[in-house]
């Protein structure tokens, strides 16, 4: 058994707590750095934690070294702050200088830089998927409802759009209805994108949310995540279903997601994007 604690750098949402629960289940000790404004300290009562603001990275790294942690899991919802609001401490200022202009690129560029800096500092960045082995699933339906021909066409269109977005490091998702791109995901995140799609939806068959791993994305540090909140947002937006990358996207509470979707007649479909790209080029149904 590995007695060295793993460090959980926790943003918001349920995923950090699920990583902590998985560590307990496997007997792996852990410590947690809770990011102010995102993680909720009350949910970590009794654990060994440090709560910091985003700009106190230097303090966090010193604390993690003292804890004995070597592996770091970056997990949870975080909105990237502006540089002016960051107010970096001395250690963080040095890290920002080492990251340089990559801090002003897309998420992939920034995460690649963060991985490099953490490794140079003696840590091993690892992904939550190592602990959440049931959070990914193979291709197939998770629900009673299934996509019809129109929804499959929207999925194919969505795959093309999301891959184009991912190629320029913009986002991981899009909403397509009847071939029309209602919304694409950028810095605002999936929930805000779904709220926008709700205001833009057309009459007739509902659209589809497509969430994919970006081409070349660091699969350790930044996989797309979906959970009950995503399903609720899709239902509120009047969508007919959600298509996500099989063995790529992380599902928070898959059983609850399926129950929600079944109650609303929504489909949840794990896909291999390449299959839909080939179908789009041949005009075949998937």
Protein backbone atom coordinates (compact mmCIF):
# COMPACT_ATOMS: atom_id res chain seq x y z
CA UNK A 1 0.00 0.00 0.00
CA UNK A 2 1.24 3.49 -0.87
CA UNK A 3 1.56 5.43 2.40
CA UNK A 4 2.63 8.66 0.71
CA UNK A 5 -0.32 11.06 0.73
CA UNK A 6 -1.77 12.21 -2.55
CA UNK A 7 -2.55 15.92 -2.74
CA UNK A 8 -6.01 16.91 -3.97
CA UNK A 9 -6.15 20.49 -5.26
CA UNK A 10 -9.90 20.97 -5.02
CA UNK A 11 -12.13 23.29 -6.97
CA UNK A 12 -15.90 23.26 -6.80
CA UNK A 13 -18.42 20.51 -7.46
CA UNK A 14 -18.63 16.90 -6.38
CA UNK A 15 -15.60 15.51 -8.20
CA UNK A 16 -12.93 16.46 -5.58
CA UNK A 17 -15.00 14.84 -2.83
CA UNK A 18 -15.36 11.69 -4.94
CA UNK A 19 -11.58 11.52 -5.38
CA UNK A 20 -11.22 11.84 -1.60
CA UNK A 21 -13.79 9.07 -1.07
CA UNK A 22 -11.93 6.84 -3.52
CA UNK A 23 -8.68 7.45 -1.62
CA UNK A 24 -10.36 6.39 1.62
CA UNK A 25 -11.77 3.28 -0.03
CA UNK A 26 -8.35 2.19 -1.25
CA UNK A 27 -6.62 3.13 2.00
CA UNK A 28 -4.59 5.88 0.38
CA UNK A 29 -3.88 8.87 2.63
CA UNK A 30 -4.53 12.31 1.19
CA UNK A 31 -4.28 15.99 1.93
CA UNK A 32 -6.29 18.70 0.21
CA UNK A 33 -5.70 22.27 -0.90
CA UNK A 34 -9.10 23.97 -1.08
CA UNK A 35 -9.42 26.89 -3.46
CA UNK A 36 -11.36 29.76 -1.91
CA UNK A 37 -14.60 30.57 -3.68
CA UNK A 38 -14.84 27.10 -5.22
CA UNK A 39 -14.34 24.28 -2.71
CA UNK A 40 -16.48 24.30 0.44
CA UNK A 41 -14.37 23.84 3.57
CA UNK A 42 -17.35 22.54 5.58
CA UNK A 43 -17.49 19.49 3.30
CA UNK A 44 -13.90 18.62 4.26
CA UNK A 45 -14.35 18.74 8.02
CA UNK A 46 -11.96 16.41 9.85
CA UNK A 47 -9.53 16.17 6.92
CA UNK A 48 -6.05 17.61 6.65
CA UNK A 49 -6.62 20.64 4.45
CA UNK A 50 -5.26 24.06 3.58
CA UNK A 51 -7.70 26.69 2.32
CA UNK A 52 -6.08 29.32 0.12
CA UNK A 53 -6.92 31.98 -2.40
CA UNK A 54 -5.90 31.33 -6.00
CA UNK A 55 -2.87 33.62 -5.83
CA UNK A 56 -1.25 31.81 -2.89
CA UNK A 57 0.32 29.02 -4.93
CA UNK A 58 3.69 29.52 -3.27
CA UNK A 59 2.17 28.91 0.17
CA UNK A 60 0.34 25.86 -1.16
CA UNK A 61 3.48 24.26 -2.61
CA UNK A 62 5.39 24.80 0.64
CA UNK A 63 2.53 23.19 2.59
CA UNK A 64 2.37 20.25 0.20
CA UNK A 65 6.10 19.63 0.50
CA UNK A 66 5.77 19.63 4.29
CA UNK A 67 2.90 17.12 4.00
CA UNK A 68 5.12 14.66 2.13
CA UNK A 69 2.84 14.55 -0.91
CA UNK A 70 4.43 13.79 -4.26
CA UNK A 71 1.43 13.23 -6.51
CA UNK A 72 -1.04 16.07 -7.15
CA UNK A 73 -4.59 15.73 -8.50
CA UNK A 74 -6.08 18.91 -9.95
CA UNK A 75 -9.84 18.41 -9.87
CA UNK A 76 -13.07 20.39 -9.70
CA UNK A 77 -14.69 23.46 -11.19
CA UNK A 78 -12.55 26.58 -11.33
CA UNK A 79 -13.01 29.85 -13.20
CA UNK A 80 -9.72 31.26 -14.38
CA UNK A 81 -9.12 34.60 -12.59
CA UNK A 82 -7.84 37.72 -14.28
CA UNK A 83 -4.19 38.43 -13.59
CA UNK A 84 -5.08 41.68 -11.80
CA UNK A 85 -7.36 39.84 -9.36
CA UNK A 86 -4.84 37.05 -8.72
CA UNK A 87 -2.62 39.01 -6.28
CA UNK A 88 0.14 36.37 -6.40
CA UNK A 89 2.29 35.74 -3.36
CA UNK A 90 6.06 35.66 -3.82
CA UNK A 91 6.10 31.98 -4.74
CA UNK A 92 3.17 32.31 -7.12
CA UNK A 93 4.78 35.34 -8.81
CA UNK A 94 7.82 33.22 -9.61
CA UNK A 95 5.60 30.46 -10.99
CA UNK A 96 3.67 32.94 -13.16
CA UNK A 97 6.96 34.26 -14.52
CA UNK A 98 8.00 30.71 -15.45
CA UNK A 99 4.66 30.03 -17.13
CA UNK A 100 4.95 33.28 -19.08
CA UNK A 101 2.65 33.96 -22.00
CA UNK A 102 1.18 30.46 -21.79
CA UNK A 103 -0.97 31.82 -18.94
CA UNK A 104 -2.85 33.87 -21.51
CA UNK A 105 -3.54 31.01 -23.92
CA UNK A 106 -6.30 28.42 -23.80
CA UNK A 107 -6.76 25.85 -21.05
CA UNK A 108 -4.55 23.27 -22.77
CA UNK A 109 -1.67 25.73 -23.05
CA UNK A 110 -2.00 26.75 -19.41
CA UNK A 111 -2.34 23.20 -18.09
CA UNK A 112 0.67 22.04 -20.07
CA UNK A 113 2.66 24.85 -18.46
CA UNK A 114 1.32 23.99 -14.99
CA UNK A 115 2.25 20.32 -15.49
CA UNK A 116 5.79 21.32 -16.43
CA UNK A 117 6.19 23.66 -13.47
CA UNK A 118 4.83 21.09 -10.99
CA UNK A 119 7.23 18.48 -12.33
CA UNK A 120 10.13 20.91 -12.01
CA UNK A 121 9.03 21.48 -8.40
CA UNK A 122 9.29 17.74 -7.71
CA UNK A 123 5.61 16.77 -7.95
CA UNK A 124 3.83 14.33 -10.25
CA UNK A 125 0.54 15.69 -11.65
CA UNK A 126 -2.00 12.89 -12.09
CA UNK A 127 -5.61 12.81 -13.22
CA UNK A 128 -8.77 12.03 -11.23
CA UNK A 129 -9.54 9.15 -13.62
CA UNK A 130 -6.86 7.11 -11.81
CA UNK A 131 -9.12 7.10 -8.76
CA UNK A 132 -12.55 7.32 -10.37
CA UNK A 133 -12.34 4.11 -12.38
CA UNK A 134 -16.13 3.92 -12.81
CA UNK A 135 -16.47 7.52 -14.01
CA UNK A 136 -15.75 6.67 -17.64
CA UNK A 137 -17.78 4.31 -19.78
CA UNK A 138 -17.52 2.45 -23.10
CA UNK A 139 -19.60 3.43 -26.14
CA UNK A 140 -23.33 2.93 -25.82
CA UNK A 141 -26.58 4.19 -24.35
CA UNK A 142 -27.03 4.80 -20.64
CA UNK A 143 -30.75 5.50 -20.92
CA UNK A 144 -34.02 4.09 -22.24
CA UNK A 145 -34.36 6.93 -24.75
CA UNK A 146 -32.21 6.74 -27.87
CA UNK A 147 -31.32 9.36 -30.50
CA UNK A 148 -33.43 9.39 -33.65
CA UNK A 149 -32.08 10.22 -37.12
CA UNK A 150 -32.35 13.96 -36.50
CA UNK A 151 -30.48 13.74 -33.19
CA UNK A 152 -27.76 11.61 -34.80
CA UNK A 153 -27.32 14.27 -37.48
CA UNK A 154 -27.01 16.91 -34.74
CA UNK A 155 -24.40 14.75 -32.98
CA UNK A 156 -22.36 14.50 -36.17
CA UNK A 157 -22.56 18.27 -36.61
CA UNK A 158 -21.66 18.77 -32.96
CA UNK A 159 -18.60 16.55 -33.24
CA UNK A 160 -17.34 18.63 -36.17
CA UNK A 161 -17.91 21.89 -34.29
CA UNK A 162 -16.38 20.77 -31.00
CA UNK A 163 -13.33 19.35 -32.72
CA UNK A 164 -12.84 22.65 -34.53
CA UNK A 165 -13.14 24.51 -31.20
CA UNK A 166 -10.75 22.10 -29.53
CA UNK A 167 -8.16 22.45 -32.28
CA UNK A 168 -7.77 26.12 -31.35
CA UNK A 169 -8.00 25.37 -27.58
CA UNK A 170 -11.34 27.10 -26.99
CA UNK A 171 -13.85 24.65 -25.51
CA UNK A 172 -15.11 21.12 -25.13
CA UNK A 173 -18.81 21.42 -25.93
CA UNK A 174 -21.51 22.69 -28.25
CA UNK A 175 -25.30 22.56 -28.51
CA UNK A 176 -26.75 21.77 -31.93
CA UNK A 177 -30.45 21.73 -32.81
CA UNK A 178 -31.74 20.74 -36.25
CA UNK A 179 -28.30 21.38 -37.68
CA UNK A 180 -28.04 24.86 -36.16
CA UNK A 181 -25.28 25.60 -33.66
CA UNK A 182 -27.13 27.25 -30.79
CA UNK A 183 -24.15 27.69 -28.49
CA UNK A 184 -20.49 26.79 -28.12
CA UNK A 185 -18.55 26.47 -24.89
CA UNK A 186 -15.81 28.93 -24.09
CA UNK A 187 -14.59 30.31 -20.78
CA UNK A 188 -18.12 30.49 -19.30
CA UNK A 189 -18.43 26.70 -18.93
CA UNK A 190 -21.12 24.14 -19.71
CA UNK A 191 -23.83 25.38 -17.34
CA UNK A 192 -23.80 28.90 -18.77
CA UNK A 193 -23.71 27.53 -22.32
CA UNK A 194 -26.81 25.43 -21.64
CA UNK A 195 -28.60 28.43 -20.14
CA UNK A 196 -27.81 30.40 -23.29
CA UNK A 197 -29.01 27.54 -25.50
CA UNK A 198 -32.30 27.53 -23.59
CA UNK A 199 -32.94 31.10 -24.72
CA UNK A 200 -32.00 30.33 -28.34
CA UNK A 201 -33.74 27.00 -28.94
CA UNK A 202 -36.06 26.63 -31.93
CA UNK A 203 -39.48 25.04 -32.18
CA UNK A 204 -39.54 21.34 -32.93
CA UNK A 205 -37.21 18.51 -31.99
CA UNK A 206 -34.82 19.38 -29.19
CA UNK A 207 -31.11 19.76 -29.72
CA UNK A 208 -28.12 17.81 -28.47
CA UNK A 209 -25.24 18.71 -26.17
CA UNK A 210 -21.95 17.26 -27.44
CA UNK A 211 -18.97 17.11 -25.04
CA UNK A 212 -15.60 15.81 -26.25
CA UNK A 213 -11.96 15.63 -25.27
CA UNK A 214 -10.04 18.23 -27.27
CA UNK A 215 -7.59 16.96 -29.90
CA UNK A 216 -4.22 16.68 -28.18
CA UNK A 217 -5.73 17.46 -24.77
CA UNK A 218 -3.87 16.37 -21.63
CA UNK A 219 -6.03 13.43 -20.57
CA UNK A 220 -4.47 13.38 -17.13
CA UNK A 221 -5.29 16.93 -16.12
CA UNK A 222 -8.33 18.16 -18.03
CA UNK A 223 -10.99 15.71 -19.11
CA UNK A 224 -14.53 17.03 -19.66
CA UNK A 225 -16.85 16.26 -16.75
CA UNK A 226 -20.62 15.86 -16.70
CA UNK A 227 -22.96 15.29 -13.80
CA UNK A 228 -26.54 15.62 -12.58
CA UNK A 229 -26.26 19.40 -12.92
CA UNK A 230 -25.42 18.97 -16.62
CA UNK A 231 -28.46 16.75 -17.13
CA UNK A 232 -30.68 19.25 -15.31
CA UNK A 233 -29.36 22.04 -17.54
CA UNK A 234 -30.00 19.99 -20.68
CA UNK A 235 -33.56 19.25 -19.56
CA UNK A 236 -34.18 22.93 -18.80
CA UNK A 237 -32.83 23.84 -22.24
CA UNK A 238 -35.31 21.47 -23.90
CA UNK A 239 -32.63 19.22 -25.37
CA UNK A 240 -33.31 15.69 -26.55
CA UNK A 241 -30.01 14.28 -25.35
CA UNK A 242 -26.35 14.47 -24.44
CA UNK A 243 -23.56 12.80 -26.41
CA UNK A 244 -20.13 12.55 -24.76
CA UNK A 245 -16.83 10.90 -25.55
CA UNK A 246 -16.66 7.26 -24.51
CA UNK A 247 -13.72 6.43 -22.25
CA UNK A 248 -12.95 10.14 -22.17
CA UNK A 249 -15.52 12.23 -20.32
CA UNK A 250 -15.82 11.81 -16.55
CA UNK A 251 -19.34 11.19 -15.26
CA UNK A 252 -20.21 12.35 -11.75
CA UNK A 253 -22.84 9.97 -10.34
CA UNK A 254 -23.70 8.06 -13.51
CA UNK A 255 -26.68 6.28 -11.93
CA UNK A 256 -28.34 9.52 -10.86
CA UNK A 257 -27.67 11.07 -14.26
CA UNK A 258 -29.40 8.13 -15.98
CA UNK A 259 -32.37 8.33 -13.60
CA UNK A 260 -32.78 12.05 -14.26
CA UNK A 261 -32.52 11.54 -18.00
CA UNK A 262 -34.97 8.63 -18.03
CA UNK A 263 -37.51 10.66 -16.07
CA UNK A 264 -37.34 13.41 -18.71
CA UNK A 265 -37.05 11.19 -21.79
CA UNK A 266 -33.53 12.45 -22.46
CA UNK A 267 -30.84 10.19 -23.94
CA UNK A 268 -27.26 9.86 -22.67
CA UNK A 269 -24.97 8.40 -25.31
CA UNK A 270 -21.27 7.61 -25.05
CA UNK A 271 -19.72 7.93 -28.50
CA UNK A 272 -16.50 7.41 -30.36
CA UNK A 273 -16.19 10.73 -32.22
CA UNK A 274 -14.31 9.22 -35.17
CA UNK A 275 -17.31 7.01 -35.92
CA UNK A 276 -19.51 10.07 -36.30
CA UNK A 277 -16.92 11.90 -38.40
CA UNK A 278 -16.85 8.95 -40.81
CA UNK A 279 -20.64 8.82 -40.82
CA UNK A 280 -20.79 12.54 -41.64
CA UNK A 281 -18.43 12.08 -44.59
CA UNK A 282 -20.44 9.18 -46.01
CA UNK A 283 -23.91 10.45 -45.10
CA UNK A 284 -24.60 7.24 -43.15
CA UNK A 285 -26.48 6.92 -39.87
CA UNK A 286 -24.50 5.94 -36.77
